[in-house]
Every structure is written in structure tokens, then in C-alpha cells.
Amino acid sequence: MIVVERATRAVSVLSEPQVETMLPDLHMPGPHGYNLLRFLQKGNLSGPSTFLVSGFFNNDSISSLIDLRVCGIIAKQFEPDRLTGEL
């Protein structure tokens, strides 16, 4: 597991081949998780499987996240078993 606190750091970590799954928070510090996903899509970077975590979702954000190749959405607060099940 590699933990990063900012989307800008995530970009450099995602170039490492051992990263298979990414769990960004939609509202992480600095550029949000949404910006990270848009950056990856604009750069045509394949990136790892992505499950977005957040406590702030609505129908508009969910449809745009699907367009950004999000595999799953995990709403906060969640039990650890839910995360294991999604992965």
C-alpha cells in the first residue's frame, strides 16, 4: 500500500508498475480526486483500477465519474468489509 495525501504526488506514484488499484478521495487536499482523474484521462494514461471514496455525491457527479473510468464509488462512512468486497 502506498499512501499519498495530494493528487500531485499521486501522479508520480502512479507511474510505478506495482500500483494496481487507486482509492482517491473526491475532495482530497490540493487538486481534488476529480482533477486527478481528468488529468489521467487527458493524458491518455491507463492508470490503475479506480474506486473513488467520498461523502459528497450527487447524480451529476456520479455520471461524470463513470465517464472518467471509475470502477466503483464508495460512500463515506463505510465498514472495512465493504472496501474489501468492492476490491
PDB file of N, CA and C in Angstrom:
ATOM      1  N   MET A   1       0.843  -1.167   0.000  1.00  0.00           N
ATOM      2  CA  MET A   1       0.000   0.000   0.000  1.00  0.00           C
ATOM      3  C   MET A   1       0.891   1.233   0.000  1.00  0.00           C
ATOM      4  N   ILE A   2       0.539   2.173  -0.843  1.00  0.00           N
ATOM      5  CA  ILE A   2       1.234   3.455  -0.902  1.00  0.00           C
ATOM      6  C   ILE A   2       0.200   4.524  -0.594  1.00  0.00           C
ATOM      7  N   VAL A   3       0.467   5.354   0.397  1.00  0.00           N
ATOM      8  CA  VAL A   3      -0.471   6.399   0.792  1.00  0.00           C
ATOM      9  C   VAL A   3       0.112   7.746   0.388  1.00  0.00           C
ATOM     10  N   VAL A   4      -0.688   8.533  -0.316  1.00  0.00           N
ATOM     11  CA  VAL A   4      -0.293   9.903  -0.662  1.00  0.00           C
ATOM     12  C   VAL A   4      -1.425  10.828  -0.237  1.00  0.00           C
ATOM     13  N   GLU A   5      -1.065  12.055   0.105  1.00  0.00           N
ATOM     14  CA  GLU A   5      -2.063  12.997   0.589  1.00  0.00           C
ATOM     15  C   GLU A   5      -2.511  14.006  -0.452  1.00  0.00           C
ATOM     16  N   ARG A   6      -1.832  14.059  -1.562  1.00  0.00           N
ATOM     17  CA  ARG A   6      -2.171  15.041  -2.592  1.00  0.00           C
ATOM     18  C   ARG A   6      -2.182  14.396  -3.977  1.00  0.00           C
ATOM     19  N   ALA A   7      -3.042  14.913  -4.829  1.00  0.00           N
ATOM     20  CA  ALA A   7      -3.151  14.395  -6.195  1.00  0.00           C
ATOM     21  C   ALA A   7      -1.845  14.576  -6.962  1.00  0.00           C
ATOM     22  N   THR A   8      -1.121  15.662  -6.698  1.00  0.00           N
ATOM     23  CA  THR A   8       0.131  15.902  -7.408  1.00  0.00           C
ATOM     24  C   THR A   8       1.153  14.806  -7.104  1.00  0.00           C
ATOM     25  N   ARG A   9       1.181  14.320  -5.892  1.00  0.00           N
ATOM     26  CA  ARG A   9       2.085  13.214  -5.521  1.00  0.00           C
ATOM     27  C   ARG A   9       1.592  11.903  -6.125  1.00  0.00           C
ATOM     28  N   ALA A  10       0.293  11.751  -6.222  1.00  0.00           N
ATOM     29  CA  ALA A  10      -0.274  10.524  -6.792  1.00  0.00           C
ATOM     30  C   ALA A  10       0.171  10.332  -8.238  1.00  0.00           C
ATOM     31  N   VAL A  11       0.296  11.405  -8.985  1.00  0.00           N
ATOM     32  CA  VAL A  11       0.707  11.301 -10.386  1.00  0.00           C
ATOM     33  C   VAL A  11       2.066  10.633 -10.503  1.00  0.00           C
ATOM     34  N   SER A  12       3.014  10.994  -9.666  1.00  0.00           N
ATOM     35  CA  SER A  12       4.343  10.379  -9.746  1.00  0.00           C
ATOM     36  C   SER A  12       4.305   8.930  -9.270  1.00  0.00           C
ATOM     37  N   VAL A  13       3.503   8.636  -8.265  1.00  0.00           N
ATOM     38  CA  VAL A  13       3.397   7.268  -7.746  1.00  0.00           C
ATOM     39  C   VAL A  13       2.734   6.351  -8.768  1.00  0.00           C
ATOM     40  N   LEU A  14       1.787   6.879  -9.523  1.00  0.00           N
ATOM     41  CA  LEU A  14       1.046   6.057 -10.487  1.00  0.00           C
ATOM     42  C   LEU A  14       1.908   5.569 -11.642  1.00  0.00           C
ATOM     43  N   SER A  15       3.084   6.133 -11.796  1.00  0.00           N
ATOM     44  CA  SER A  15       3.985   5.656 -12.845  1.00  0.00           C
ATOM     45  C   SER A  15       4.692   4.365 -12.441  1.00  0.00           C
ATOM     46  N   GLU A  16       4.575   3.987 -11.171  1.00  0.00           N
ATOM     47  CA  GLU A  16       5.193   2.759 -10.691  1.00  0.00           C
ATOM     48  C   GLU A  16       4.312   1.568 -11.070  1.00  0.00           C
ATOM     49  N   PRO A  17       4.906   0.532 -11.663  1.00  0.00           N
ATOM     50  CA  PRO A  17       4.103  -0.580 -12.193  1.00  0.00           C
ATOM     51  C   PRO A  17       3.361  -1.405 -11.150  1.00  0.00           C
ATOM     52  N   GLN A  18       3.768  -1.360  -9.892  1.00  0.00           N
ATOM     53  CA  GLN A  18       3.111  -2.194  -8.890  1.00  0.00           C
ATOM     54  C   GLN A  18       1.776  -1.631  -8.418  1.00  0.00           C
ATOM     55  N   VAL A  19       1.403  -0.429  -8.834  1.00  0.00           N
ATOM     56  CA  VAL A  19       0.131   0.155  -8.420  1.00  0.00           C
ATOM     57  C   VAL A  19      -0.985  -0.447  -9.277  1.00  0.00           C
ATOM     58  N   GLU A  20      -1.848  -1.240  -8.625  1.00  0.00           N
ATOM     59  CA  GLU A  20      -2.925  -1.919  -9.341  1.00  0.00           C
ATOM     60  C   GLU A  20      -4.282  -1.270  -9.108  1.00  0.00           C
ATOM     61  N   THR A  21      -4.450  -0.634  -7.957  1.00  0.00           N
ATOM     62  CA  THR A  21      -5.736  -0.042  -7.594  1.00  0.00           C
ATOM     63  C   THR A  21      -5.501   1.294  -6.913  1.00  0.00           C
ATOM     64  N   MET A  22      -6.373   2.241  -7.210  1.00  0.00           N
ATOM     65  CA  MET A  22      -6.258   3.575  -6.644  1.00  0.00           C
ATOM     66  C   MET A  22      -7.572   3.904  -5.931  1.00  0.00           C
ATOM     67  N   LEU A  23      -7.470   4.505  -4.743  1.00  0.00           N
ATOM     68  CA  LEU A  23      -8.638   4.894  -3.942  1.00  0.00           C
ATOM     69  C   LEU A  23      -8.567   6.388  -3.610  1.00  0.00           C
ATOM     70  N   PRO A  24      -8.707   7.254  -4.594  1.00  0.00           N
ATOM     71  CA  PRO A  24      -8.640   8.683  -4.273  1.00  0.00           C
ATOM     72  C   PRO A  24      -9.929   9.168  -3.619  1.00  0.00           C
ATOM     73  N   ASP A  25      -9.779  10.185  -2.777  1.00  0.00           N
ATOM     74  CA  ASP A  25     -10.935  10.849  -2.196  1.00  0.00           C
ATOM     75  C   ASP A  25     -11.343  11.956  -3.164  1.00  0.00           C
ATOM     76  N   LEU A  26     -12.624  12.114  -3.373  1.00  0.00           N
ATOM     77  CA  LEU A  26     -13.103  13.149  -4.292  1.00  0.00           C
ATOM     78  C   LEU A  26     -12.638  14.532  -3.861  1.00  0.00           C
ATOM     79  N   HIS A  27     -12.566  14.770  -2.548  1.00  0.00           N
ATOM     80  CA  HIS A  27     -12.179  16.092  -2.044  1.00  0.00           C
ATOM     81  C   HIS A  27     -10.881  16.039  -1.251  1.00  0.00           C
ATOM     82  N   MET A  28      -9.833  15.464  -1.839  1.00  0.00           N
ATOM     83  CA  MET A  28      -8.520  15.421  -1.190  1.00  0.00           C
ATOM     84  C   MET A  28      -7.898  16.818  -1.196  1.00  0.00           C
ATOM     85  N   PRO A  29      -6.906  17.068  -0.329  1.00  0.00           N
ATOM     86  CA  PRO A  29      -6.259  18.389  -0.302  1.00  0.00           C
ATOM     87  C   PRO A  29      -5.602  18.717  -1.643  1.00  0.00           C
ATOM     88  N   GLY A  30      -5.560  19.997  -1.968  1.00  0.00           N
ATOM     89  CA  GLY A  30      -4.963  20.417  -3.239  1.00  0.00           C
ATOM     90  C   GLY A  30      -5.908  20.083  -4.374  1.00  0.00           C
ATOM     91  N   PRO A  31      -5.358  19.729  -5.548  1.00  0.00           N
ATOM     92  CA  PRO A  31      -6.241  19.330  -6.646  1.00  0.00           C
ATOM     93  C   PRO A  31      -7.072  18.116  -6.214  1.00  0.00           C
ATOM     94  N   HIS A  32      -8.362  18.190  -6.406  1.00  0.00           N
ATOM     95  CA  HIS A  32      -9.258  17.127  -5.958  1.00  0.00           C
ATOM     96  C   HIS A  32      -9.064  15.846  -6.757  1.00  0.00           C
ATOM     97  N   GLY A  33      -9.614  14.759  -6.234  1.00  0.00           N
ATOM     98  CA  GLY A  33      -9.553  13.472  -6.914  1.00  0.00           C
ATOM     99  C   GLY A  33     -10.144  13.542  -8.308  1.00  0.00           C
ATOM    100  N   TYR A  34     -11.182  14.354  -8.474  1.00  0.00           N
ATOM    101  CA  TYR A  34     -11.795  14.531  -9.789  1.00  0.00           C
ATOM    102  C   TYR A  34     -10.770  15.093 -10.770  1.00  0.00           C
ATOM    103  N   ASN A  35      -9.962  16.067 -10.322  1.00  0.00           N
ATOM    104  CA  ASN A  35      -8.926  16.639 -11.183  1.00  0.00           C
ATOM    105  C   ASN A  35      -7.864  15.607 -11.541  1.00  0.00           C
ATOM    106  N   LEU A  36      -7.539  14.750 -10.601  1.00  0.00           N
ATOM    107  CA  LEU A  36      -6.578  13.676 -10.858  1.00  0.00           C
ATOM    108  C   LEU A  36      -7.097  12.758 -11.957  1.00  0.00           C
ATOM    109  N   LEU A  37      -8.347  12.375 -11.876  1.00  0.00           N
ATOM    110  CA  LEU A  37      -8.939  11.501 -12.888  1.00  0.00           C
ATOM    111  C   LEU A  37      -8.988  12.180 -14.256  1.00  0.00           C
ATOM    112  N   ARG A  38      -9.337  13.457 -14.277  1.00  0.00           N
ATOM    113  CA  ARG A  38      -9.356  14.201 -15.547  1.00  0.00           C
ATOM    114  C   ARG A  38      -7.956  14.302 -16.140  1.00  0.00           C
ATOM    115  N   PHE A  39      -6.943  14.517 -15.304  1.00  0.00           N
ATOM    116  CA  PHE A  39      -5.560  14.581 -15.761  1.00  0.00           C
ATOM    117  C   PHE A  39      -5.156  13.263 -16.415  1.00  0.00           C
ATOM    118  N   LEU A  40      -5.480  12.158 -15.768  1.00  0.00           N
ATOM    119  CA  LEU A  40      -5.135  10.847 -16.317  1.00  0.00           C
ATOM    120  C   LEU A  40      -5.836  10.612 -17.648  1.00  0.00           C
ATOM    121  N   GLN A  41      -7.102  11.008 -17.740  1.00  0.00           N
ATOM    122  CA  GLN A  41      -7.845  10.805 -18.980  1.00  0.00           C
ATOM    123  C   GLN A  41      -7.303  11.698 -20.091  1.00  0.00           C
ATOM    124  N   LYS A  42      -7.019  12.969 -19.791  1.00  0.00           N
ATOM    125  CA  LYS A  42      -6.484  13.892 -20.801  1.00  0.00           C
ATOM    126  C   LYS A  42      -5.146  13.416 -21.340  1.00  0.00           C
ATOM    127  N   GLY A  43      -4.325  12.867 -20.442  1.00  0.00           N
ATOM    128  CA  GLY A  43      -3.014  12.384 -20.856  1.00  0.00           C
ATOM    129  C   GLY A  43      -3.071  11.005 -21.484  1.00  0.00           C
ATOM    130  N   ASN A  44      -4.279  10.471 -21.608  1.00  0.00           N
ATOM    131  CA  ASN A  44      -4.484   9.131 -22.164  1.00  0.00           C
ATOM    132  C   ASN A  44      -3.683   8.095 -21.392  1.00  0.00           C
ATOM    133  N   LEU A  45      -3.552   8.309 -20.095  1.00  0.00           N
ATOM    134  CA  LEU A  45      -2.819   7.388 -19.237  1.00  0.00           C
ATOM    135  C   LEU A  45      -3.776   6.309 -18.755  1.00  0.00           C
ATOM    136  N   SER A  46      -3.373   5.069 -18.844  1.00  0.00           N
ATOM    137  CA  SER A  46      -4.285   3.986 -18.497  1.00  0.00           C
ATOM    138  C   SER A  46      -4.584   3.953 -17.006  1.00  0.00           C
ATOM    139  N   GLY A  47      -3.619   4.197 -16.158  1.00  0.00           N
ATOM    140  CA  GLY A  47      -3.845   4.228 -14.717  1.00  0.00           C
ATOM    141  C   GLY A  47      -4.405   2.931 -14.180  1.00  0.00           C
ATOM    142  N   PRO A  48      -4.357   2.771 -12.875  1.00  0.00           N
ATOM    143  CA  PRO A  48      -4.877   1.552 -12.248  1.00  0.00           C
ATOM    144  C   PRO A  48      -6.405   1.593 -12.135  1.00  0.00           C
ATOM    145  N   SER A  49      -6.993   0.480 -11.739  1.00  0.00           N
ATOM    146  CA  SER A  49      -8.426   0.452 -11.442  1.00  0.00           C
ATOM    147  C   SER A  49      -8.693   1.480 -10.351  1.00  0.00           C
ATOM    148  N   THR A  50      -9.771   2.235 -10.493  1.00  0.00           N
ATOM    149  CA  THR A  50     -10.037   3.323  -9.567  1.00  0.00           C
ATOM    150  C   THR A  50     -11.389   3.169  -8.900  1.00  0.00           C
ATOM    151  N   PHE A  51     -11.371   3.220  -7.573  1.00  0.00           N
ATOM    152  CA  PHE A  51     -12.575   3.238  -6.756  1.00  0.00           C
ATOM    153  C   PHE A  51     -12.545   4.554  -6.002  1.00  0.00           C
ATOM    154  N   LEU A  52     -13.487   5.422  -6.270  1.00  0.00           N
ATOM    155  CA  LEU A  52     -13.494   6.737  -5.656  1.00  0.00           C
ATOM    156  C   LEU A  52     -14.199   6.684  -4.307  1.00  0.00           C
ATOM    157  N   VAL A  53     -13.638   7.391  -3.332  1.00  0.00           N
ATOM    158  CA  VAL A  53     -14.186   7.447  -1.976  1.00  0.00           C
ATOM    159  C   VAL A  53     -14.606   8.891  -1.699  1.00  0.00           C
ATOM    160  N   SER A  54     -15.808   9.071  -1.160  1.00  0.00           N
ATOM    161  CA  SER A  54     -16.236  10.414  -0.785  1.00  0.00           C
ATOM    162  C   SER A  54     -17.535  10.381  -0.003  1.00  0.00           C
ATOM    163  N   GLY A  55     -17.796  11.464   0.671  1.00  0.00           N
ATOM    164  CA  GLY A  55     -19.067  11.639   1.364  1.00  0.00           C
ATOM    165  C   GLY A  55     -19.969  12.600   0.612  1.00  0.00           C
ATOM    166  N   PHE A  56     -19.535  13.060  -0.565  1.00  0.00           N
ATOM    167  CA  PHE A  56     -20.273  14.070  -1.328  1.00  0.00           C
ATOM    168  C   PHE A  56     -20.525  13.592  -2.749  1.00  0.00           C
ATOM    169  N   PHE A  57     -21.660  12.989  -2.978  1.00  0.00           N
ATOM    170  CA  PHE A  57     -22.027  12.526  -4.313  1.00  0.00           C
ATOM    171  C   PHE A  57     -23.408  13.034  -4.672  1.00  0.00           C
ATOM    172  N   ASN A  58     -23.614  13.261  -5.952  1.00  0.00           N
ATOM    173  CA  ASN A  58     -24.948  13.524  -6.483  1.00  0.00           C
ATOM    174  C   ASN A  58     -25.026  12.875  -7.859  1.00  0.00           C
ATOM    175  N   ASN A  59     -26.180  12.867  -8.474  1.00  0.00           N
ATOM    176  CA  ASN A  59     -26.352  12.178  -9.754  1.00  0.00           C
ATOM    177  C   ASN A  59     -25.438  12.723 -10.837  1.00  0.00           C
ATOM    178  N   ASP A  60     -25.227  14.044 -10.864  1.00  0.00           N
ATOM    179  CA  ASP A  60     -24.354  14.634 -11.884  1.00  0.00           C
ATOM    180  C   ASP A  60     -22.911  14.181 -11.708  1.00  0.00           C
ATOM    181  N   SER A  61     -22.439  14.189 -10.469  1.00  0.00           N
ATOM    182  CA  SER A  61     -21.042  13.792 -10.245  1.00  0.00           C
ATOM    183  C   SER A  61     -20.843  12.311 -10.543  1.00  0.00           C
ATOM    184  N   ILE A  62     -21.822  11.482 -10.246  1.00  0.00           N
ATOM    185  CA  ILE A  62     -21.683  10.049 -10.493  1.00  0.00           C
ATOM    186  C   ILE A  62     -21.573   9.771 -11.992  1.00  0.00           C
ATOM    187  N   SER A  63     -22.398  10.392 -12.805  1.00  0.00           N
ATOM    188  CA  SER A  63     -22.325  10.136 -14.247  1.00  0.00           C
ATOM    189  C   SER A  63     -21.008  10.632 -14.837  1.00  0.00           C
ATOM    190  N   SER A  64     -20.499  11.766 -14.366  1.00  0.00           N
ATOM    191  CA  SER A  64     -19.222  12.250 -14.892  1.00  0.00           C
ATOM    192  C   SER A  64     -18.061  11.371 -14.424  1.00  0.00           C
ATOM    193  N   LEU A  65     -18.170  10.777 -13.237  1.00  0.00           N
ATOM    194  CA  LEU A  65     -17.117   9.889 -12.743  1.00  0.00           C
ATOM    195  C   LEU A  65     -17.080   8.589 -13.547  1.00  0.00           C
ATOM    196  N   ILE A  66     -18.215   8.108 -13.954  1.00  0.00           N
ATOM    197  CA  ILE A  66     -18.253   6.914 -14.799  1.00  0.00           C
ATOM    198  C   ILE A  66     -17.549   7.201 -16.124  1.00  0.00           C
ATOM    199  N   ASP A  67     -17.751   8.397 -16.674  1.00  0.00           N
ATOM    200  CA  ASP A  67     -17.067   8.797 -17.905  1.00  0.00           C
ATOM    201  C   ASP A  67     -15.551   8.840 -17.715  1.00  0.00           C
ATOM    202  N   LEU A  68     -15.097   9.035 -16.473  1.00  0.00           N
ATOM    203  CA  LEU A  68     -13.658   9.095 -16.171  1.00  0.00           C
ATOM    204  C   LEU A  68     -13.104   7.725 -15.771  1.00  0.00           C
ATOM    205  N   ARG A  69     -13.818   6.675 -16.108  1.00  0.00           N
ATOM    206  CA  ARG A  69     -13.367   5.281 -15.923  1.00  0.00           C
ATOM    207  C   ARG A  69     -13.265   4.850 -14.457  1.00  0.00           C
ATOM    208  N   VAL A  70     -14.118   5.390 -13.613  1.00  0.00           N
ATOM    209  CA  VAL A  70     -14.147   4.951 -12.218  1.00  0.00           C
ATOM    210  C   VAL A  70     -14.846   3.595 -12.166  1.00  0.00           C
ATOM    211  N   CYS A  71     -14.207   2.623 -11.545  1.00  0.00           N
ATOM    212  CA  CYS A  71     -14.764   1.264 -11.445  1.00  0.00           C
ATOM    213  C   CYS A  71     -15.832   1.151 -10.374  1.00  0.00           C
ATOM    214  N   GLY A  72     -15.720   1.961  -9.333  1.00  0.00           N
ATOM    215  CA  GLY A  72     -16.676   1.897  -8.238  1.00  0.00           C
ATOM    216  C   GLY A  72     -16.633   3.154  -7.412  1.00  0.00           C
ATOM    217  N   ILE A  73     -17.713   3.381  -6.678  1.00  0.00           N
ATOM    218  CA  ILE A  73     -17.823   4.546  -5.819  1.00  0.00           C
ATOM    219  C   ILE A  73     -18.170   4.052  -4.421  1.00  0.00           C
ATOM    220  N   ILE A  74     -17.367   4.450  -3.457  1.00  0.00           N
ATOM    221  CA  ILE A  74     -17.566   4.022  -2.076  1.00  0.00           C
ATOM    222  C   ILE A  74     -17.882   5.261  -1.245  1.00  0.00           C
ATOM    223  N   ALA A  75     -19.110   5.319  -0.744  1.00  0.00           N
ATOM    224  CA  ALA A  75     -19.538   6.472   0.047  1.00  0.00           C
ATOM    225  C   ALA A  75     -19.020   6.346   1.475  1.00  0.00           C
ATOM    226  N   LYS A  76     -18.516   7.469   2.005  1.00  0.00           N
ATOM    227  CA  LYS A  76     -18.096   7.500   3.409  1.00  0.00           C
ATOM    228  C   LYS A  76     -19.334   7.560   4.273  1.00  0.00           C
ATOM    229  N   GLN A  77     -19.302   7.164   5.330  1.00  0.00           N
ATOM    230  CA  GLN A  77     -18.552   6.285   6.182  1.00  0.00           C
ATOM    231  C   GLN A  77     -18.840   4.854   5.755  1.00  0.00           C
ATOM    232  N   PHE A  78     -17.815   4.045   5.696  1.00  0.00           N
ATOM    233  CA  PHE A  78     -18.002   2.661   5.294  1.00  0.00           C
ATOM    234  C   PHE A  78     -17.245   1.742   6.227  1.00  0.00           C
ATOM    235  N   GLU A  79     -17.710   0.526   6.287  1.00  0.00           N
ATOM    236  CA  GLU A  79     -17.058  -0.508   7.083  1.00  0.00           C
ATOM    237  C   GLU A  79     -15.918  -1.113   6.263  1.00  0.00           C
ATOM    238  N   PRO A  80     -14.836  -1.532   6.892  1.00  0.00           N
ATOM    239  CA  PRO A  80     -13.713  -2.133   6.166  1.00  0.00           C
ATOM    240  C   PRO A  80     -14.136  -3.318   5.289  1.00  0.00           C
ATOM    241  N   ASP A  81     -15.137  -4.082   5.709  1.00  0.00           N
ATOM    242  CA  ASP A  81     -15.594  -5.215   4.910  1.00  0.00           C
ATOM    243  C   ASP A  81     -16.150  -4.749   3.568  1.00  0.00           C
ATOM    244  N   ARG A  82     -16.775  -3.606   3.544  1.00  0.00           N
ATOM    245  CA  ARG A  82     -17.314  -3.064   2.287  1.00  0.00           C
ATOM    246  C   ARG A  82     -16.185  -2.769   1.313  1.00  0.00           C
ATOM    247  N   LEU A  83     -15.111  -2.183   1.809  1.00  0.00           N
ATOM    248  CA  LEU A  83     -13.960  -1.874   0.968  1.00  0.00           C
ATOM    249  C   LEU A  83     -13.362  -3.172   0.416  1.00  0.00           C
ATOM    250  N   THR A  84     -13.207  -4.154   1.249  1.00  0.00           N
ATOM    251  CA  THR A  84     -12.672  -5.453   0.809  1.00  0.00           C
ATOM    252  C   THR A  84     -13.573  -6.061  -0.258  1.00  0.00           C
ATOM    253  N   GLY A  85     -14.879  -5.986  -0.056  1.00  0.00           N
ATOM    254  CA  GLY A  85     -15.816  -6.520  -1.026  1.00  0.00           C
ATOM    255  C   GLY A  85     -15.751  -5.816  -2.363  1.00  0.00           C
ATOM    256  N   GLU A  86     -15.627  -4.500  -2.353  1.00  0.00           N
ATOM    257  CA  GLU A  86     -15.535  -3.731  -3.603  1.00  0.00           C
ATOM    258  C   GLU A  86     -14.274  -4.081  -4.382  1.00  0.00           C
ATOM    259  N   LEU A  87     -13.163  -4.191  -3.652  1.00  0.00           N
ATOM    260  CA  LEU A  87     -11.906  -4.502  -4.317  1.00  0.00           C
ATOM    261  C   LEU A  87     -11.910  -5.901  -4.858  1.00  0.00           C
TER     262      LEU A  87
END
